[in-house]
N, C-alpha and C. Protein backbone atom coordinates (compact mmCIF):
# COMPACT_ATOMS: atom_id res chain seq x y z
N MET A 1 75.19 61.49 118.78
CA MET A 1 75.72 61.96 120.36
C MET A 1 74.90 63.52 120.50
N LYS A 2 74.47 63.68 121.64
CA LYS A 2 73.84 65.19 121.71
C LYS A 2 74.85 66.04 122.29
N ILE A 3 74.77 67.36 122.21
CA ILE A 3 75.61 68.24 122.63
C ILE A 3 75.34 68.55 123.97
N ALA A 4 76.52 68.37 124.92
CA ALA A 4 76.40 68.26 126.42
C ALA A 4 77.72 68.80 126.74
N LYS A 5 77.93 68.79 128.23
CA LYS A 5 79.10 69.34 128.85
C LYS A 5 80.12 68.18 128.43
N ASN A 6 81.45 68.77 128.25
CA ASN A 6 82.46 67.71 127.85
C ASN A 6 82.25 67.22 126.39
N THR A 7 81.46 67.95 125.64
CA THR A 7 81.51 67.24 123.99
C THR A 7 82.12 68.29 123.32
N VAL A 8 82.99 67.63 122.20
CA VAL A 8 83.43 68.69 121.19
C VAL A 8 82.35 68.91 120.06
N VAL A 9 82.24 70.43 119.85
CA VAL A 9 81.40 70.71 118.82
C VAL A 9 82.26 71.18 117.39
N THR A 10 81.65 70.75 116.42
CA THR A 10 82.04 71.24 115.15
C THR A 10 80.79 71.79 114.33
N LEU A 11 81.17 73.19 114.20
CA LEU A 11 79.99 73.77 113.51
C LEU A 11 80.46 74.93 112.38
N HIS A 12 79.69 75.03 111.41
CA HIS A 12 79.79 76.11 110.60
C HIS A 12 78.79 77.19 110.83
N TYR A 13 79.38 78.70 110.57
CA TYR A 13 78.60 79.62 111.07
C TYR A 13 78.42 80.61 110.05
N LYS A 14 77.42 81.69 109.97
CA LYS A 14 77.51 82.82 109.63
C LYS A 14 77.11 83.87 110.43
N LEU A 15 77.95 84.90 110.63
CA LEU A 15 77.73 86.10 111.69
C LEU A 15 77.31 87.22 110.90
N SER A 16 76.09 87.90 111.18
CA SER A 16 75.57 88.95 110.54
C SER A 16 75.33 89.95 111.66
N ASP A 17 75.03 91.27 111.36
CA ASP A 17 74.65 92.19 112.13
C ASP A 17 73.19 92.08 112.35
N ALA A 18 72.46 92.84 113.28
CA ALA A 18 70.81 92.92 113.33
C ALA A 18 70.16 92.98 112.09
N GLN A 19 70.50 93.62 111.38
CA GLN A 19 69.91 93.99 109.98
C GLN A 19 70.27 92.87 108.97
N GLY A 20 70.78 91.74 109.49
CA GLY A 20 71.30 90.70 108.35
C GLY A 20 72.49 90.88 107.29
N ASN A 21 73.02 91.98 107.60
CA ASN A 21 74.11 92.30 106.76
C ASN A 21 75.27 91.37 107.30
N LEU A 22 75.77 90.66 106.20
CA LEU A 22 77.08 89.47 106.66
C LEU A 22 78.21 90.16 107.06
N ILE A 23 78.57 89.91 108.15
CA ILE A 23 79.98 90.41 108.64
C ILE A 23 81.05 89.48 108.42
N GLU A 24 80.69 88.00 108.78
CA GLU A 24 81.73 86.89 108.44
C GLU A 24 81.33 85.72 108.03
N GLU A 25 81.58 84.76 107.39
CA GLU A 25 81.03 83.36 107.09
C GLU A 25 82.31 82.67 107.32
N SER A 26 82.35 81.63 108.25
CA SER A 26 83.58 80.47 108.69
C SER A 26 83.94 80.12 107.28
N ARG A 27 85.46 79.91 106.91
CA ARG A 27 85.97 79.48 106.14
C ARG A 27 86.29 77.95 106.63
N GLU A 28 86.72 77.67 107.82
CA GLU A 28 87.05 76.56 108.33
C GLU A 28 85.99 76.32 109.23
N PRO A 29 85.41 75.15 109.82
CA PRO A 29 84.65 74.98 110.89
C PRO A 29 85.00 75.38 112.07
N MET A 30 84.07 75.72 113.04
CA MET A 30 84.58 76.43 114.43
C MET A 30 84.38 75.04 115.13
N VAL A 31 85.43 74.50 115.95
CA VAL A 31 85.50 73.52 116.93
C VAL A 31 85.85 74.25 118.18
N TYR A 32 84.75 73.65 119.24
CA TYR A 32 85.08 74.02 120.54
C TYR A 32 84.55 73.11 121.69
N LEU A 33 84.90 73.28 122.69
CA LEU A 33 84.61 72.30 124.01
C LEU A 33 83.40 73.06 124.61
N HIS A 34 82.45 72.07 124.28
CA HIS A 34 81.38 72.70 124.99
C HIS A 34 80.87 72.57 126.85
N GLY A 35 80.55 73.45 127.16
CA GLY A 35 80.42 73.32 128.87
C GLY A 35 80.80 74.14 129.70
N GLY A 36 80.81 75.68 129.13
CA GLY A 36 81.22 76.46 130.07
C GLY A 36 82.70 76.92 130.06
N TYR A 37 83.35 76.52 129.08
CA TYR A 37 84.83 76.83 129.21
C TYR A 37 85.37 78.01 128.70
N GLU A 38 84.42 79.00 128.30
CA GLU A 38 84.62 80.11 127.51
C GLU A 38 85.51 79.92 126.11
N ASN A 39 85.16 78.81 125.56
CA ASN A 39 85.62 78.82 124.26
C ASN A 39 84.45 79.41 122.94
N THR A 40 83.50 79.76 123.38
CA THR A 40 82.72 80.29 122.58
C THR A 40 81.65 81.21 123.33
N LEU A 41 80.44 81.85 122.74
CA LEU A 41 79.87 82.88 123.48
C LEU A 41 78.93 81.85 124.35
N PRO A 42 78.43 82.36 125.89
CA PRO A 42 77.52 81.40 126.36
C PRO A 42 76.09 81.39 125.63
N LYS A 43 75.91 82.21 124.97
CA LYS A 43 74.46 82.07 124.41
C LYS A 43 74.34 81.12 123.24
N ILE A 44 75.75 81.03 122.49
CA ILE A 44 75.65 79.99 121.56
C ILE A 44 75.68 78.53 122.29
N GLU A 45 76.24 78.61 123.39
CA GLU A 45 76.12 77.35 124.12
C GLU A 45 75.01 76.89 124.55
N GLU A 46 74.08 77.81 125.03
CA GLU A 46 72.71 77.65 125.51
C GLU A 46 72.04 77.20 124.34
N ALA A 47 72.10 77.78 123.26
CA ALA A 47 71.29 77.45 121.92
C ALA A 47 71.62 75.82 121.45
N LEU A 48 72.80 75.58 121.78
CA LEU A 48 73.19 74.36 121.13
C LEU A 48 72.91 73.09 121.97
N GLU A 49 72.91 73.52 123.23
CA GLU A 49 72.68 72.40 124.69
C GLU A 49 71.74 71.34 123.95
N GLY A 50 71.85 70.11 124.14
CA GLY A 50 71.08 68.99 123.82
C GLY A 50 70.74 68.70 122.59
N LYS A 51 71.39 69.24 121.48
CA LYS A 51 71.14 69.26 120.06
C LYS A 51 72.08 68.35 119.39
N ASP A 52 71.56 67.73 118.17
CA ASP A 52 72.25 66.81 117.40
C ASP A 52 73.29 67.30 116.13
N VAL A 53 73.86 66.47 115.53
CA VAL A 53 74.58 66.93 114.15
C VAL A 53 73.49 67.02 113.35
N GLY A 54 73.57 68.27 112.42
CA GLY A 54 72.72 68.52 111.45
C GLY A 54 71.71 69.65 111.94
N TYR A 55 71.79 69.81 113.20
CA TYR A 55 70.71 70.82 113.94
C TYR A 55 71.32 72.18 113.53
N GLU A 56 70.30 73.06 112.75
CA GLU A 56 70.72 74.50 112.38
C GLU A 56 69.81 75.32 113.08
N THR A 57 69.97 76.42 113.39
CA THR A 57 69.41 77.45 113.90
C THR A 57 69.87 78.78 113.80
N THR A 58 69.12 79.94 113.87
CA THR A 58 69.75 81.42 113.91
C THR A 58 69.46 81.99 115.07
N ILE A 59 70.30 82.54 115.97
CA ILE A 59 70.23 83.10 117.12
C ILE A 59 70.47 84.56 116.93
N GLN A 60 70.02 85.54 118.00
CA GLN A 60 70.47 86.96 117.89
C GLN A 60 70.95 87.17 119.28
N VAL A 61 71.95 87.70 119.58
CA VAL A 61 72.79 87.70 120.60
C VAL A 61 73.06 89.32 120.68
N GLU A 62 72.51 89.74 121.89
CA GLU A 62 72.36 91.24 122.42
C GLU A 62 74.08 91.57 122.96
N PRO A 63 74.43 92.67 122.67
CA PRO A 63 75.79 93.36 123.05
C PRO A 63 76.19 92.79 124.42
N ASP A 64 75.25 92.88 125.38
CA ASP A 64 75.76 92.46 126.75
C ASP A 64 76.12 91.17 126.82
N ASP A 65 75.48 90.14 125.79
CA ASP A 65 76.08 88.86 126.02
C ASP A 65 77.03 88.18 124.87
N ALA A 66 77.42 89.49 124.07
CA ALA A 66 78.51 89.27 123.27
C ALA A 66 79.64 89.95 123.25
N PHE A 67 79.94 90.94 123.09
CA PHE A 67 81.07 91.82 122.96
C PHE A 67 80.95 92.85 123.80
N GLY A 68 79.88 93.00 124.45
CA GLY A 68 79.72 94.52 125.44
C GLY A 68 79.38 95.66 124.67
N GLU A 69 78.90 96.54 125.25
CA GLU A 69 78.38 97.77 124.90
C GLU A 69 79.68 98.75 124.50
N TYR A 70 79.61 99.53 123.38
CA TYR A 70 80.85 100.30 123.01
C TYR A 70 81.03 101.32 124.13
N ASP A 71 82.28 101.26 124.77
CA ASP A 71 82.86 102.25 125.78
C ASP A 71 83.75 103.32 125.11
N ALA A 72 83.26 104.64 125.20
CA ALA A 72 84.07 105.72 124.42
C ALA A 72 85.22 106.04 125.24
N SER A 73 85.09 105.30 126.68
CA SER A 73 86.34 105.90 127.62
C SER A 73 87.39 104.97 127.16
N LEU A 74 87.39 103.94 126.61
CA LEU A 74 88.43 102.96 125.89
C LEU A 74 89.11 103.51 124.77
N VAL A 75 88.78 104.54 124.13
CA VAL A 75 89.40 105.34 122.83
C VAL A 75 90.43 106.25 123.34
N LYS A 76 91.63 106.20 122.78
CA LYS A 76 92.75 107.08 123.35
C LYS A 76 93.39 107.73 122.03
N ILE A 77 93.91 108.95 122.49
CA ILE A 77 94.61 109.72 121.36
C ILE A 77 95.95 109.99 121.84
N GLU A 78 96.84 109.16 121.26
CA GLU A 78 98.26 109.16 121.64
C GLU A 78 98.97 110.08 120.49
N PRO A 79 100.12 110.56 120.87
CA PRO A 79 101.07 111.12 120.01
C PRO A 79 101.80 109.98 119.10
N ARG A 80 101.98 110.29 117.77
CA ARG A 80 102.32 109.28 116.97
C ARG A 80 103.78 109.19 117.24
N ASN A 81 104.42 109.86 117.81
CA ASN A 81 106.10 109.47 118.09
C ASN A 81 106.19 108.16 119.21
N ARG A 82 104.97 108.11 119.83
CA ARG A 82 105.09 107.21 120.78
C ARG A 82 104.98 105.58 120.41
N LEU A 83 104.53 105.58 119.13
CA LEU A 83 104.19 104.12 118.24
C LEU A 83 105.27 103.85 117.42
N PRO A 84 105.48 102.77 117.01
CA PRO A 84 106.45 102.18 116.17
C PRO A 84 106.17 102.47 114.80
N GLU A 85 107.02 102.58 113.95
CA GLU A 85 106.92 103.08 112.34
C GLU A 85 107.37 101.82 111.74
N PRO A 86 106.59 101.20 110.62
CA PRO A 86 105.54 101.82 109.93
C PRO A 86 104.44 101.54 110.81
N LEU A 87 103.40 102.55 110.78
CA LEU A 87 102.18 102.48 111.53
C LEU A 87 101.12 102.60 110.62
N GLU A 88 100.15 101.65 110.52
CA GLU A 88 99.02 101.46 109.66
C GLU A 88 97.58 101.15 110.35
N LEU A 89 96.73 101.55 109.64
CA LEU A 89 95.25 101.57 110.14
C LEU A 89 95.01 99.84 110.53
N GLY A 90 94.39 99.40 111.53
CA GLY A 90 94.20 98.14 112.04
C GLY A 90 95.33 97.39 112.80
N MET A 91 96.49 98.16 113.00
CA MET A 91 97.24 97.58 113.93
C MET A 91 96.92 97.36 115.15
N GLN A 92 97.49 96.46 116.05
CA GLN A 92 97.07 96.13 117.26
C GLN A 92 98.25 96.42 118.38
N PHE A 93 97.74 96.95 119.67
CA PHE A 93 99.09 97.17 120.47
C PHE A 93 98.28 96.69 121.82
N GLU A 94 99.07 96.48 122.81
CA GLU A 94 98.41 95.83 124.21
C GLU A 94 98.83 97.19 124.98
N GLY A 95 97.75 97.49 125.65
CA GLY A 95 97.71 98.71 126.65
C GLY A 95 96.84 98.75 128.03
N THR A 96 96.88 99.30 128.72
CA THR A 96 95.99 99.87 129.89
C THR A 96 95.08 101.27 129.45
N PRO A 97 93.79 100.87 129.86
CA PRO A 97 92.93 101.88 129.52
C PRO A 97 93.34 103.32 130.38
N ASP A 98 93.08 104.38 129.88
CA ASP A 98 93.56 105.72 130.47
C ASP A 98 92.60 105.76 132.14
N GLY A 99 93.40 106.04 133.13
CA GLY A 99 92.80 105.97 134.50
C GLY A 99 92.96 104.69 135.22
N ALA A 100 93.30 103.54 134.38
CA ALA A 100 93.39 102.28 134.89
C ALA A 100 94.86 102.06 135.61
N ASP A 101 95.07 101.03 136.08
CA ASP A 101 96.28 100.54 136.37
C ASP A 101 96.69 99.24 136.14
N SER A 102 97.86 98.90 136.06
CA SER A 102 98.09 97.63 135.32
C SER A 102 97.77 96.58 135.99
N ALA A 103 97.51 96.70 137.10
CA ALA A 103 96.74 95.43 137.97
C ALA A 103 95.58 95.33 137.52
N GLU A 104 94.55 96.21 137.11
CA GLU A 104 93.28 95.75 136.29
C GLU A 104 93.60 94.99 135.12
N GLY A 105 94.58 94.81 134.53
CA GLY A 105 94.87 93.91 133.23
C GLY A 105 94.95 95.21 132.11
N SER A 106 95.48 94.43 131.03
CA SER A 106 95.59 95.42 129.69
C SER A 106 94.38 94.98 128.64
N LEU A 107 94.49 95.68 127.77
CA LEU A 107 93.47 95.41 126.59
C LEU A 107 94.33 95.59 125.46
N ILE A 108 93.60 95.08 124.23
CA ILE A 108 94.30 95.02 122.92
C ILE A 108 93.69 96.67 122.30
N PHE A 109 94.35 97.45 122.08
CA PHE A 109 94.04 98.56 121.30
C PHE A 109 94.15 98.44 119.66
N THR A 110 93.45 98.75 118.89
CA THR A 110 93.44 99.11 117.50
C THR A 110 93.50 100.29 116.93
N VAL A 111 94.51 100.35 116.15
CA VAL A 111 94.61 101.85 115.22
C VAL A 111 93.64 102.11 114.52
N THR A 112 92.62 103.07 114.76
CA THR A 112 91.42 103.13 114.03
C THR A 112 91.47 104.65 112.96
N ASP A 113 92.41 105.51 113.49
CA ASP A 113 92.80 106.66 112.66
C ASP A 113 94.13 107.21 112.87
N ILE A 114 94.86 107.63 111.75
CA ILE A 114 96.08 108.11 111.97
C ILE A 114 95.95 109.67 111.14
N ALA A 115 96.29 110.64 112.01
CA ALA A 115 96.16 112.07 111.50
C ALA A 115 97.54 112.84 111.96
N ASP A 116 98.49 113.16 110.93
CA ASP A 116 99.69 113.99 111.13
C ASP A 116 100.10 113.43 112.28
N ASP A 117 100.18 114.09 113.38
CA ASP A 117 101.16 113.68 114.88
C ASP A 117 100.28 112.76 115.69
N LYS A 118 99.14 112.76 115.57
CA LYS A 118 98.29 111.83 116.17
C LYS A 118 97.53 110.42 115.78
N VAL A 119 97.35 109.75 116.57
CA VAL A 119 96.92 108.26 116.59
C VAL A 119 95.88 108.01 117.42
N VAL A 120 94.69 107.45 116.79
CA VAL A 120 93.48 106.96 117.50
C VAL A 120 93.51 105.41 117.88
N LEU A 121 93.49 105.04 119.03
CA LEU A 121 93.46 103.71 119.67
C LEU A 121 92.24 103.47 120.19
N ASP A 122 91.55 102.32 119.82
CA ASP A 122 90.27 101.68 120.48
C ASP A 122 90.56 100.73 121.07
N GLY A 123 90.21 100.58 122.07
CA GLY A 123 90.11 99.37 122.95
C GLY A 123 88.95 98.61 123.08
N ASN A 124 87.99 98.89 122.24
CA ASN A 124 86.63 98.19 122.31
C ASN A 124 87.02 97.03 121.08
N HIS A 125 86.22 95.88 121.40
CA HIS A 125 86.06 94.73 120.64
C HIS A 125 85.45 95.19 119.24
N PRO A 126 85.99 94.89 117.98
CA PRO A 126 85.23 95.55 116.79
C PRO A 126 83.68 95.35 116.91
N LEU A 127 83.31 94.25 117.48
CA LEU A 127 81.93 94.20 117.15
C LEU A 127 81.11 94.59 118.60
N ALA A 128 81.73 95.38 119.36
CA ALA A 128 81.34 95.84 120.42
C ALA A 128 80.20 96.70 120.35
N GLY A 129 79.06 96.76 121.08
CA GLY A 129 77.85 97.33 120.94
C GLY A 129 77.00 96.96 119.67
N MET A 130 77.37 95.82 119.19
CA MET A 130 76.35 95.50 118.09
C MET A 130 75.47 94.26 118.66
N ALA A 131 74.12 94.04 118.06
CA ALA A 131 73.60 93.05 118.30
C ALA A 131 74.01 92.04 117.02
N LEU A 132 74.15 90.74 117.38
CA LEU A 132 74.61 89.93 116.36
C LEU A 132 73.81 88.87 115.98
N ARG A 133 73.72 88.25 114.78
CA ARG A 133 72.85 87.15 114.51
C ARG A 133 74.12 86.03 114.15
N PHE A 134 73.75 84.87 114.48
CA PHE A 134 74.65 83.73 114.29
C PHE A 134 73.78 82.59 113.67
N ASN A 135 73.79 82.36 112.23
CA ASN A 135 73.30 81.03 111.86
C ASN A 135 74.31 79.94 111.80
N LEU A 136 73.91 78.83 112.76
CA LEU A 136 74.69 77.97 113.40
C LEU A 136 74.29 76.77 112.49
N ASN A 137 75.24 75.56 112.26
CA ASN A 137 75.01 74.35 111.73
C ASN A 137 75.64 73.27 112.23
N VAL A 138 75.61 72.66 113.04
CA VAL A 138 76.29 71.33 113.84
C VAL A 138 76.59 70.55 112.94
N ALA A 139 78.18 70.53 112.66
CA ALA A 139 78.49 69.46 111.72
C ALA A 139 79.13 68.05 112.39
N GLU A 140 79.18 68.14 113.48
CA GLU A 140 79.88 67.06 114.19
C GLU A 140 79.81 67.03 115.58
N VAL A 141 79.53 66.07 116.46
CA VAL A 141 79.80 65.88 117.95
C VAL A 141 80.41 64.88 118.57
N ARG A 142 81.63 65.14 119.22
CA ARG A 142 82.10 63.70 119.83
C ARG A 142 82.54 64.29 120.99
N ALA A 143 82.51 63.13 122.07
CA ALA A 143 83.19 63.16 123.32
C ALA A 143 84.53 63.71 123.51
N ALA A 144 84.83 64.75 124.37
CA ALA A 144 86.05 65.24 124.44
C ALA A 144 86.98 64.30 125.25
N SER A 145 88.30 64.31 125.04
CA SER A 145 89.36 63.45 125.54
C SER A 145 89.55 63.90 126.89
N GLU A 146 90.16 63.27 127.86
CA GLU A 146 90.36 63.50 129.29
C GLU A 146 91.33 64.72 129.15
N GLU A 147 92.21 64.64 128.00
CA GLU A 147 93.18 65.91 127.96
C GLU A 147 92.62 67.19 127.66
N GLU A 148 91.66 67.15 126.73
CA GLU A 148 91.04 68.29 126.62
C GLU A 148 90.34 69.01 127.38
N ILE A 149 89.56 67.97 128.05
CA ILE A 149 88.93 68.63 129.39
C ILE A 149 89.89 69.08 130.33
N ALA A 150 91.03 68.65 130.73
CA ALA A 150 91.85 69.28 131.66
C ALA A 150 92.46 70.40 131.25
N HIS A 151 92.68 70.45 129.85
CA HIS A 151 93.18 71.68 129.26
C HIS A 151 92.04 72.90 128.84
N GLU A 152 90.88 72.48 128.99
CA GLU A 152 89.67 73.41 128.77
C GLU A 152 89.42 73.94 127.26
N HIS A 153 89.90 72.98 126.38
CA HIS A 153 90.03 73.41 125.00
C HIS A 153 90.47 72.09 123.86
N VAL A 154 89.78 72.18 122.64
CA VAL A 154 90.16 71.00 121.92
C VAL A 154 91.30 71.21 121.45
N HIS A 155 92.01 69.92 121.10
CA HIS A 155 93.05 69.65 120.42
C HIS A 155 92.77 69.11 119.09
N GLY A 156 93.78 69.27 118.15
CA GLY A 156 93.85 68.55 117.07
C GLY A 156 93.22 69.63 115.84
N ALA A 157 92.84 69.00 114.81
CA ALA A 157 92.20 69.66 113.94
C ALA A 157 91.46 70.69 114.05
N HIS A 158 91.63 71.90 113.56
CA HIS A 158 90.85 73.16 114.11
C HIS A 158 90.68 73.54 115.35
N GLY A 159 91.77 72.82 116.22
CA GLY A 159 91.33 72.85 117.70
C GLY A 159 92.85 73.89 118.02
N HIS A 160 93.41 73.78 119.28
CA HIS A 160 94.64 74.19 119.85
C HIS A 160 95.65 73.19 119.59
N HIS A 161 96.90 73.70 119.32
CA HIS A 161 97.94 72.86 119.15
C HIS A 161 99.04 73.11 120.26
N HIS A 162 99.63 72.57 121.29
CA HIS A 162 100.51 72.96 122.09
C HIS A 162 101.86 72.77 121.46
N ASP A 163 102.27 72.30 120.46
CA ASP A 163 103.64 71.96 119.62
C ASP A 163 103.67 73.09 118.59
N SER A 164 102.87 73.96 118.64
CA SER A 164 103.08 74.86 117.38
C SER A 164 102.77 76.18 117.66
N GLN A 165 103.33 77.25 116.97
CA GLN A 165 102.87 78.71 116.89
C GLN A 165 101.18 78.67 116.65
N ASP A 166 100.61 79.80 117.43
CA ASP A 166 99.21 79.81 116.83
C ASP A 166 99.30 80.82 115.51
N ASP A 167 98.60 80.51 114.83
CA ASP A 167 98.55 81.39 113.63
C ASP A 167 97.19 82.33 113.40
N ASP A 168 97.20 83.22 112.50
CA ASP A 168 96.08 84.15 112.27
C ASP A 168 95.36 83.68 111.19
N SER A 169 95.60 82.44 110.91
CA SER A 169 94.75 82.07 109.65
C SER A 169 93.39 81.61 109.91
N GLY A 170 92.78 81.79 111.29
CA GLY A 170 91.49 81.53 111.63
C GLY A 170 90.64 82.77 111.09
N ASP A 171 89.36 82.55 111.61
CA ASP A 171 88.26 83.49 111.00
C ASP A 171 88.68 84.92 112.28
N HIS A 172 88.46 85.88 111.86
CA HIS A 172 88.71 87.10 112.42
C HIS A 172 87.93 87.62 113.91
N TYR A 173 86.61 87.24 113.74
CA TYR A 173 86.06 87.60 114.95
C TYR A 173 85.70 86.76 116.03
N ARG A 174 86.44 85.38 115.96
CA ARG A 174 86.08 84.53 117.14
C ARG A 174 86.58 84.94 118.23
N SER A 175 85.68 84.65 119.32
CA SER A 175 85.97 85.08 120.60
C SER A 175 87.33 84.34 121.33
N ARG A 176 88.30 84.73 121.58
CA ARG A 176 89.37 84.05 122.24
C ARG A 176 89.51 84.54 123.73
N PRO A 177 89.48 83.58 124.76
CA PRO A 177 89.53 83.95 126.03
C PRO A 177 91.08 84.40 126.26
N ILE A 178 91.30 85.13 127.27
CA ILE A 178 92.79 85.57 127.63
C ILE A 178 92.76 85.07 129.15
N HIS A 179 93.67 84.08 129.19
CA HIS A 179 93.80 83.67 130.65
C HIS A 179 95.23 84.06 131.25
């Protein structure tokens, strides 16, 4: 079966920066619903459209087509006493960028530095501003179920489960749409 709208694609990937330095290699296969459902980057879907099981390719995705350019205005310095203890590098908090109102939506801010009474929070995606190389290897393609199409994501193994809590055992840099 060829990859097309409303197919479920299972693939293995390696993610590197533009110089070829490995950032992440999938431990478990990535499984997504193909066809513009925001389950993966559009450039990945474009590269895989019409391909079969066994297809392997390497694509480079520029920041504008991945996680955006780095935006220095999304870095905030906050008093440490405004955040909970214990506080550690890498912790994440939801908040709004400076100068934005809550109607514009919130972002996830990551603690990138802690110094005495100040904390640096960065609202950029960790891969923002980077050109990325994806080595993709298609392992399986199947027709999506009516339920998966209606819910706009994959169910079952390596997909979304409605009856359980989502866990963090997946790969770190996968894009996840927030609806």
